[in-house]
Amino acid sequence: MRAWVYNGNKDIRLEELPEPIPGPGEVSVRIAYNGICGTDLHEYFHGPHFVPMDSAHPVTGHRGPVTMGHEASGTIQAVGVGIVDLEVGQRIVLEPVVRQPNDESRYNLGGAFYGIMAPGFLADSAVVPRSAIHVLPDSVGLAEGALTEPLAVAWHAAAKTGLEAGSSSVVFGGGPIGIGSILSLRARGVTRVAAVEPSPTRRALLESLGAQTFDPTAADYRDSLAEFVGDGVDACIDAAGVGGAVHDGLRVLGPEGRLVVVAVHAEPVSFDMNELLLSEKSIVTSMGYRNDFPHVLEHLAAGKLPTDAWVEKVPFEDLIERGIDRLATGDAVKILVEVSGG
């Protein structure tokens, strides 16, 4: 089968690999679409950081080059012994967490993912355990379904805010997780949502999704944002991964407000702890997802998480030139790689 294999910094190769065969309790999936993630870009241009090239990963045991991809949809093509609730031909999405025994309550914190620490889904086929499979609702297409993973990251962050209908929020960062966070907040009934994003193209997109936007490079940025927040918003989401998002997020929170950090930060961030103490503000983090896929699929089926305006597709063979390179230059927001399509 064809597979895009990570071999090191700026070295991803299209290779022929043996077709994996499902064992007991496993499922073989014909991959339809796979999204390109920011982690993929980071590993390609700056890695390896997370791919265990030199020593075996403590959870998966994998070491060395790895098939990339962890945002995928597909069709079941075979099931192993013991699988009784799935059938060949069912359309599914894959949850790429490598789960550890007896850790269901915190499985998102295990630190292992397919496509990074174990063979992933940028290939014609993949074999995963039953726990990684979620059946697609009839009304959700395979391309849309492949976005369940990044949307689940955003849904988990939105849930961490604790916000309910009528609340207010500011989201920092207008990439896929920032977009998903805004959509998730609005799906949860949060009516006043603003986004801070420097790209004019992304700001226009965010406005089309119902968010008021602010340019952090504008001279009147802080005054304009202050006018929106008034006495302070109820929660902020940092989907930008820069220190300025943390500082501005804490500044615009109201008393007892919460900053949810979902972005990975490349550099340490310092802040005044007394700013939190005196107003009982808090910072919480949001790692991946835990039992969030069903919520995302339900809201995709209901049309509450629209994806058409910010996603495009590229052929499997064009992963690097039309996928990775265009995302790196900001020419695209989200790209799905069409493996078998459908």
Protein backbone atom coordinates (compact mmCIF):
# COMPACT_ATOMS: atom_id res chain seq x y z
CA MET A 1 0.00 0.00 0.00
CA ARG A 2 1.00 3.66 -0.41
CA ALA A 3 2.05 5.57 2.70
CA TRP A 4 3.59 8.93 3.51
CA VAL A 5 6.43 8.12 5.92
CA TYR A 6 8.23 10.60 8.14
CA ASN A 7 11.99 9.98 8.00
CA GLY A 8 13.24 13.15 9.68
CA ASN A 9 13.48 16.91 9.27
CA LYS A 10 12.00 17.94 5.88
CA ASP A 11 12.07 14.29 4.85
CA ILE A 12 8.65 12.75 4.22
CA ARG A 13 8.63 10.03 1.56
CA LEU A 14 5.87 8.32 -0.38
CA GLU A 15 6.67 4.64 0.15
CA GLU A 16 5.18 1.22 -0.52
CA LEU A 17 4.49 -0.70 2.69
CA PRO A 18 2.86 -4.07 3.42
CA GLU A 19 -0.90 -3.99 3.95
CA PRO A 20 -1.60 -4.29 7.72
CA ILE A 21 -3.77 -7.22 8.83
CA PRO A 22 -6.18 -6.83 11.78
CA GLY A 23 -5.66 -9.06 14.78
CA PRO A 24 -8.20 -9.92 17.49
CA GLY A 25 -10.10 -6.82 18.59
CA GLU A 26 -8.76 -4.76 15.70
CA VAL A 27 -10.29 -3.12 12.65
CA SER A 28 -8.85 -2.54 9.17
CA VAL A 29 -9.88 0.77 7.61
CA ARG A 30 -9.63 1.96 4.02
CA ILE A 31 -8.66 5.61 4.52
CA ALA A 32 -10.77 8.19 2.69
CA TYR A 33 -9.39 11.54 3.89
CA ASN A 34 -6.70 12.70 6.29
CA GLY A 35 -6.22 16.25 7.51
CA ILE A 36 -2.84 17.95 7.80
CA CYS A 37 -2.27 19.15 11.36
CA GLY A 38 -0.06 21.84 12.84
CA THR A 39 1.89 19.10 14.58
CA ASP A 40 2.66 17.57 11.18
CA LEU A 41 4.03 20.91 10.00
CA HIS A 42 6.07 21.32 13.18
CA GLU A 43 7.65 17.88 12.84
CA TYR A 44 8.36 18.38 9.14
CA PHE A 45 10.03 21.78 9.41
CA HIS A 46 11.50 21.68 12.92
CA GLY A 47 11.47 18.07 14.12
CA PRO A 48 11.80 15.44 15.07
CA HIS A 49 10.42 16.47 18.44
CA PHE A 50 7.58 14.03 19.07
CA VAL A 51 8.38 11.23 16.61
CA PRO A 52 10.57 8.70 18.50
CA MET A 53 13.38 8.37 15.97
CA ASP A 54 16.20 7.31 18.32
CA SER A 55 14.58 5.24 21.06
CA ALA A 56 11.38 3.24 21.48
CA HIS A 57 8.35 5.18 22.67
CA PRO A 58 7.45 4.07 26.23
CA VAL A 59 3.77 3.52 25.38
CA THR A 60 3.74 2.30 21.77
CA GLY A 61 7.20 0.75 21.53
CA HIS A 62 7.61 2.36 18.12
CA ARG A 63 11.00 3.70 17.05
CA GLY A 64 12.17 5.21 13.78
CA PRO A 65 10.32 6.35 10.65
CA VAL A 66 6.55 6.44 11.01
CA THR A 67 3.54 6.72 8.72
CA MET A 68 2.09 10.17 9.35
CA GLY A 69 -1.51 11.28 9.74
CA HIS A 70 -3.90 11.38 12.68
CA GLU A 71 -7.05 13.15 11.41
CA ALA A 72 -8.82 10.57 9.29
CA SER A 73 -12.05 9.08 8.04
CA GLY A 74 -12.60 5.90 6.08
CA THR A 75 -14.55 2.72 5.48
CA ILE A 76 -14.22 -0.55 7.37
CA GLN A 77 -12.73 -3.21 5.11
CA ALA A 78 -12.11 -6.03 7.63
CA VAL A 79 -12.64 -6.77 11.31
CA GLY A 80 -10.66 -9.01 13.61
CA VAL A 81 -11.88 -11.77 15.86
CA GLY A 82 -14.09 -10.50 18.67
CA ILE A 83 -15.50 -7.46 16.87
CA VAL A 84 -19.28 -7.96 16.87
CA ASP A 85 -20.69 -4.41 16.68
CA LEU A 86 -19.05 -3.25 13.44
CA GLU A 87 -19.49 -4.33 9.83
CA VAL A 88 -17.48 -4.17 6.64
CA GLY A 89 -18.55 -1.15 4.62
CA GLN A 90 -19.43 1.12 7.53
CA ARG A 91 -18.17 4.70 7.25
CA ILE A 92 -16.16 5.75 10.28
CA VAL A 93 -13.78 8.28 11.78
CA LEU A 94 -10.66 7.43 13.73
CA GLU A 95 -9.78 8.72 17.19
CA PRO A 96 -5.97 8.62 17.15
CA VAL A 97 -5.14 8.30 20.85
CA VAL A 98 -3.14 5.19 21.72
CA ARG A 99 -4.94 4.14 24.89
CA GLN A 100 -3.29 2.45 27.82
CA PRO A 101 -4.95 -0.27 29.91
CA ASN A 102 -6.93 0.89 32.95
CA ASP A 103 -6.64 4.57 32.05
CA GLU A 104 -10.03 5.32 30.50
CA SER A 105 -10.72 8.24 32.83
CA ARG A 106 -7.68 10.18 31.55
CA TYR A 107 -6.84 8.49 28.27
CA ASN A 108 -6.12 11.82 26.56
CA LEU A 109 -3.15 12.36 28.89
CA GLY A 110 -1.27 9.21 27.92
CA GLY A 111 1.01 11.08 25.53
CA ALA A 112 0.77 8.72 22.56
CA PHE A 113 -0.94 9.24 19.20
CA TYR A 114 -1.16 7.36 15.93
CA GLY A 115 0.66 9.20 13.17
CA ILE A 116 3.34 10.45 15.57
CA MET A 117 4.31 7.74 18.07
CA ALA A 118 2.77 4.85 16.10
CA PRO A 119 1.91 4.28 12.41
CA GLY A 120 -0.83 6.66 11.30
CA PHE A 121 -3.40 7.23 8.60
CA LEU A 122 -1.71 8.96 5.65
CA ALA A 123 -1.85 5.63 3.86
CA ASP A 124 -4.24 3.51 1.86
CA SER A 125 -5.08 1.41 4.93
CA ALA A 126 -4.67 1.41 8.69
CA VAL A 127 -5.34 -1.06 11.49
CA VAL A 128 -6.53 0.21 14.86
CA PRO A 129 -8.22 -1.20 17.99
CA ARG A 130 -12.00 -1.02 18.34
CA SER A 131 -11.69 1.89 20.78
CA ALA A 132 -10.41 4.13 17.97
CA ILE A 133 -13.53 3.71 15.81
CA HIS A 134 -16.55 6.04 15.71
CA VAL A 135 -19.33 5.37 13.21
CA LEU A 136 -20.31 8.36 11.07
CA PRO A 137 -23.91 9.57 11.15
CA ASP A 138 -25.63 9.09 7.77
CA SER A 139 -25.79 12.84 7.15
CA VAL A 140 -22.05 13.46 7.66
CA GLY A 141 -19.77 12.90 4.67
CA LEU A 142 -16.34 11.30 4.80
CA ALA A 143 -14.54 14.59 4.10
CA GLU A 144 -16.48 16.39 6.82
CA GLY A 145 -15.93 13.44 9.14
CA ALA A 146 -12.15 13.72 8.81
CA LEU A 147 -12.43 17.06 10.62
CA THR A 148 -13.85 15.41 13.73
CA GLU A 149 -10.41 15.19 15.35
CA PRO A 150 -9.42 18.88 15.22
CA LEU A 151 -13.00 19.88 16.03
CA ALA A 152 -12.85 17.59 19.07
CA VAL A 153 -9.73 19.44 20.25
CA ALA A 154 -11.67 22.68 19.98
CA TRP A 155 -14.82 21.23 21.55
CA HIS A 156 -12.81 20.03 24.56
CA ALA A 157 -11.34 23.51 24.99
CA ALA A 158 -14.76 25.14 24.70
CA ALA A 159 -16.11 22.73 27.31
CA LYS A 160 -13.22 23.63 29.61
CA THR A 161 -14.37 27.26 29.63
CA GLY A 162 -17.51 26.18 31.47
CA LEU A 163 -19.50 28.77 29.54
CA GLU A 164 -23.22 28.50 28.96
CA ALA A 165 -25.79 30.33 26.87
CA GLY A 166 -25.52 34.10 27.10
CA SER A 167 -21.84 34.14 28.12
CA SER A 168 -19.05 36.08 26.39
CA SER A 169 -15.64 34.97 25.18
CA VAL A 170 -12.55 35.98 23.22
CA VAL A 171 -10.62 33.42 21.16
CA PHE A 172 -6.99 34.17 20.32
CA GLY A 173 -5.86 32.62 17.03
CA GLY A 174 -7.82 32.04 13.82
CA GLY A 175 -6.38 28.73 12.66
CA PRO A 176 -8.37 25.47 12.60
CA ILE A 177 -8.47 25.14 16.40
CA GLY A 178 -9.45 28.78 16.84
CA ILE A 179 -12.16 28.40 14.20
CA GLY A 180 -13.36 25.19 15.83
CA SER A 181 -13.38 26.88 19.23
CA ILE A 182 -15.61 29.69 17.95
CA LEU A 183 -17.97 27.21 16.29
CA SER A 184 -18.04 25.09 19.46
CA LEU A 185 -18.74 28.06 21.72
CA ARG A 186 -21.57 29.21 19.48
CA ALA A 187 -22.99 25.68 19.35
CA ARG A 188 -23.01 25.74 23.16
CA GLY A 189 -25.04 28.97 23.16
CA VAL A 190 -22.28 31.54 23.73
CA THR A 191 -23.56 34.56 21.82
CA ARG A 192 -20.82 37.18 22.24
CA VAL A 193 -17.68 35.76 20.71
CA ALA A 194 -14.69 37.73 19.44
CA ALA A 195 -11.52 36.55 17.72
CA VAL A 196 -8.03 38.06 17.73
CA GLU A 197 -6.16 37.20 14.51
CA PRO A 198 -3.54 39.13 12.47
CA SER A 199 -4.41 37.68 9.05
CA PRO A 200 -7.03 39.76 7.19
CA THR A 201 -8.10 36.70 5.20
CA ARG A 202 -8.71 34.69 8.34
CA ARG A 203 -10.46 37.61 10.03
CA ALA A 204 -12.90 37.79 7.11
CA LEU A 205 -13.52 34.05 7.46
CA LEU A 206 -14.09 34.36 11.21
CA GLU A 207 -16.55 37.19 10.67
CA SER A 208 -18.49 35.02 8.23
CA LEU A 209 -18.78 32.46 11.04
CA GLY A 210 -20.31 35.03 13.39
CA ALA A 211 -17.33 36.34 15.35
CA GLN A 212 -16.35 39.97 15.82
CA THR A 213 -12.65 40.24 14.97
CA PHE A 214 -9.66 42.29 16.08
CA ASP A 215 -6.24 42.73 14.51
CA PRO A 216 -3.51 42.50 17.19
CA THR A 217 -1.12 44.47 14.95
CA ALA A 218 -3.46 47.47 14.64
CA ALA A 219 -2.61 50.66 16.50
CA ASP A 220 -6.04 50.80 18.16
CA TYR A 221 -6.18 47.05 18.91
CA ARG A 222 -6.28 47.28 22.70
CA ASP A 223 -8.74 50.15 22.78
CA SER A 224 -11.06 48.38 20.33
CA LEU A 225 -10.85 45.10 22.23
CA ALA A 226 -11.45 46.90 25.52
CA GLU A 227 -14.64 48.40 24.09
CA PHE A 228 -15.88 44.92 23.18
CA VAL A 229 -15.07 43.31 26.54
CA GLY A 230 -16.40 46.14 28.74
CA ASP A 231 -16.02 44.96 32.33
CA GLY A 232 -14.47 41.72 31.11
CA VAL A 233 -15.47 38.54 29.32
CA ASP A 234 -16.34 35.29 31.04
CA ALA A 235 -13.61 33.20 29.40
CA CYS A 236 -10.87 33.26 26.78
CA ILE A 237 -9.30 30.52 24.69
CA ASP A 238 -5.64 30.67 23.69
CA ALA A 239 -5.44 28.90 20.33
CA ALA A 240 -2.50 31.02 19.20
CA GLY A 241 0.38 29.67 21.28
CA VAL A 242 2.14 33.01 21.80
CA GLY A 243 2.81 34.90 25.01
CA GLY A 244 0.78 37.90 23.88
CA ALA A 245 -2.37 35.77 23.79
CA VAL A 246 -1.88 34.78 27.43
CA HIS A 247 -1.19 38.35 28.55
CA ASP A 248 -4.09 39.84 26.60
CA GLY A 249 -6.38 36.99 27.62
CA LEU A 250 -5.75 37.58 31.30
CA ARG A 251 -6.20 41.31 30.82
CA VAL A 252 -9.65 41.08 29.18
CA LEU A 253 -11.09 38.51 31.58
CA GLY A 254 -13.64 39.70 34.09
CA PRO A 255 -13.52 38.70 37.77
CA GLU A 256 -13.47 34.92 38.18
CA GLY A 257 -12.86 34.60 34.44
CA ARG A 258 -11.04 31.62 32.98
CA LEU A 259 -8.29 31.40 30.35
CA VAL A 260 -8.17 28.03 28.59
CA VAL A 261 -4.84 27.25 26.91
CA VAL A 262 -5.24 24.73 24.09
CA ALA A 263 -2.25 25.80 21.96
CA VAL A 264 1.26 24.41 22.32
CA HIS A 265 3.73 27.15 23.29
CA ALA A 266 7.24 27.06 21.87
CA GLU A 267 8.54 29.46 24.52
CA PRO A 268 7.90 29.84 28.28
CA VAL A 269 5.39 32.53 29.26
CA SER A 270 5.65 34.69 32.38
CA PHE A 271 2.79 36.61 33.95
CA ASP A 272 1.88 38.40 37.17
CA MET A 273 0.31 35.84 39.51
CA ASN A 274 -1.24 38.66 41.56
CA GLU A 275 -3.32 39.59 38.50
CA LEU A 276 -5.03 36.22 38.87
CA LEU A 277 -5.16 36.26 42.65
CA LEU A 278 -6.80 39.64 43.16
CA SER A 279 -9.65 38.91 40.73
CA GLU A 280 -9.82 35.14 41.21
CA LYS A 281 -9.02 34.57 37.56
CA SER A 282 -7.76 31.15 36.55
CA ILE A 283 -5.73 29.44 33.84
CA VAL A 284 -6.58 25.89 32.81
CA THR A 285 -5.17 23.76 30.02
CA SER A 286 -6.95 21.61 27.49
CA MET A 287 -5.19 18.54 26.10
CA GLY A 288 -6.68 16.87 23.05
CA TYR A 289 -10.06 15.29 23.73
CA ARG A 290 -11.71 12.77 25.99
CA ASN A 291 -15.10 11.38 24.98
CA ASP A 292 -15.63 14.46 22.78
CA PHE A 293 -15.95 12.72 19.39
CA PRO A 294 -19.63 11.80 19.92
CA HIS A 295 -20.51 15.42 20.73
CA VAL A 296 -18.74 16.69 17.61
CA LEU A 297 -20.39 14.09 15.37
CA GLU A 298 -23.80 14.97 16.80
CA HIS A 299 -23.29 18.67 16.09
CA LEU A 300 -21.83 18.00 12.63
CA ALA A 301 -24.94 16.00 11.82
CA ALA A 302 -27.11 18.87 13.05
CA GLY A 303 -25.25 21.37 10.87
CA LYS A 304 -23.97 23.36 13.84
CA LEU A 305 -20.26 23.04 12.98
CA PRO A 306 -19.99 24.26 9.36
CA THR A 307 -16.76 23.39 7.56
CA ASP A 308 -17.18 24.26 3.87
CA ALA A 309 -15.78 27.79 4.09
CA TRP A 310 -12.41 26.92 5.62
CA VAL A 311 -11.41 23.50 4.25
CA GLU A 312 -9.99 22.38 0.90
CA LYS A 313 -8.79 19.08 -0.54
CA VAL A 314 -5.59 18.03 -2.32
CA PRO A 315 -4.67 14.76 -4.05
CA PHE A 316 -2.74 12.16 -2.06
CA GLU A 317 0.39 12.54 -4.19
CA ASP A 318 0.51 16.31 -3.63
CA LEU A 319 0.87 16.21 0.16
CA ILE A 320 4.00 18.35 0.28
CA GLU A 321 3.69 20.82 -2.60
CA ARG A 322 -0.04 21.56 -2.41
CA GLY A 323 -0.52 20.66 1.25
CA ILE A 324 2.32 21.21 3.69
CA ASP A 325 4.02 24.03 1.78
CA ARG A 326 0.80 26.01 1.28
CA LEU A 327 -0.20 25.69 4.93
CA ALA A 328 3.28 26.85 5.96
CA THR A 329 2.97 30.04 3.89
CA GLY A 330 -0.57 30.75 5.07
CA ASP A 331 -2.15 30.21 1.65
CA ALA A 332 -4.66 27.77 3.15
CA VAL A 333 -6.42 27.36 6.50
CA LYS A 334 -7.14 23.62 6.56
CA ILE A 335 -6.27 20.95 4.02
CA LEU A 336 -7.61 17.43 3.68
CA VAL A 337 -5.53 14.92 1.77
CA GLU A 338 -7.75 12.80 -0.46
CA VAL A 339 -6.57 9.20 -0.07
CA SER A 340 -9.41 7.14 -1.57
CA GLY A 341 -12.01 9.90 -1.31
CA GLY A 342 -15.69 9.24 -1.23
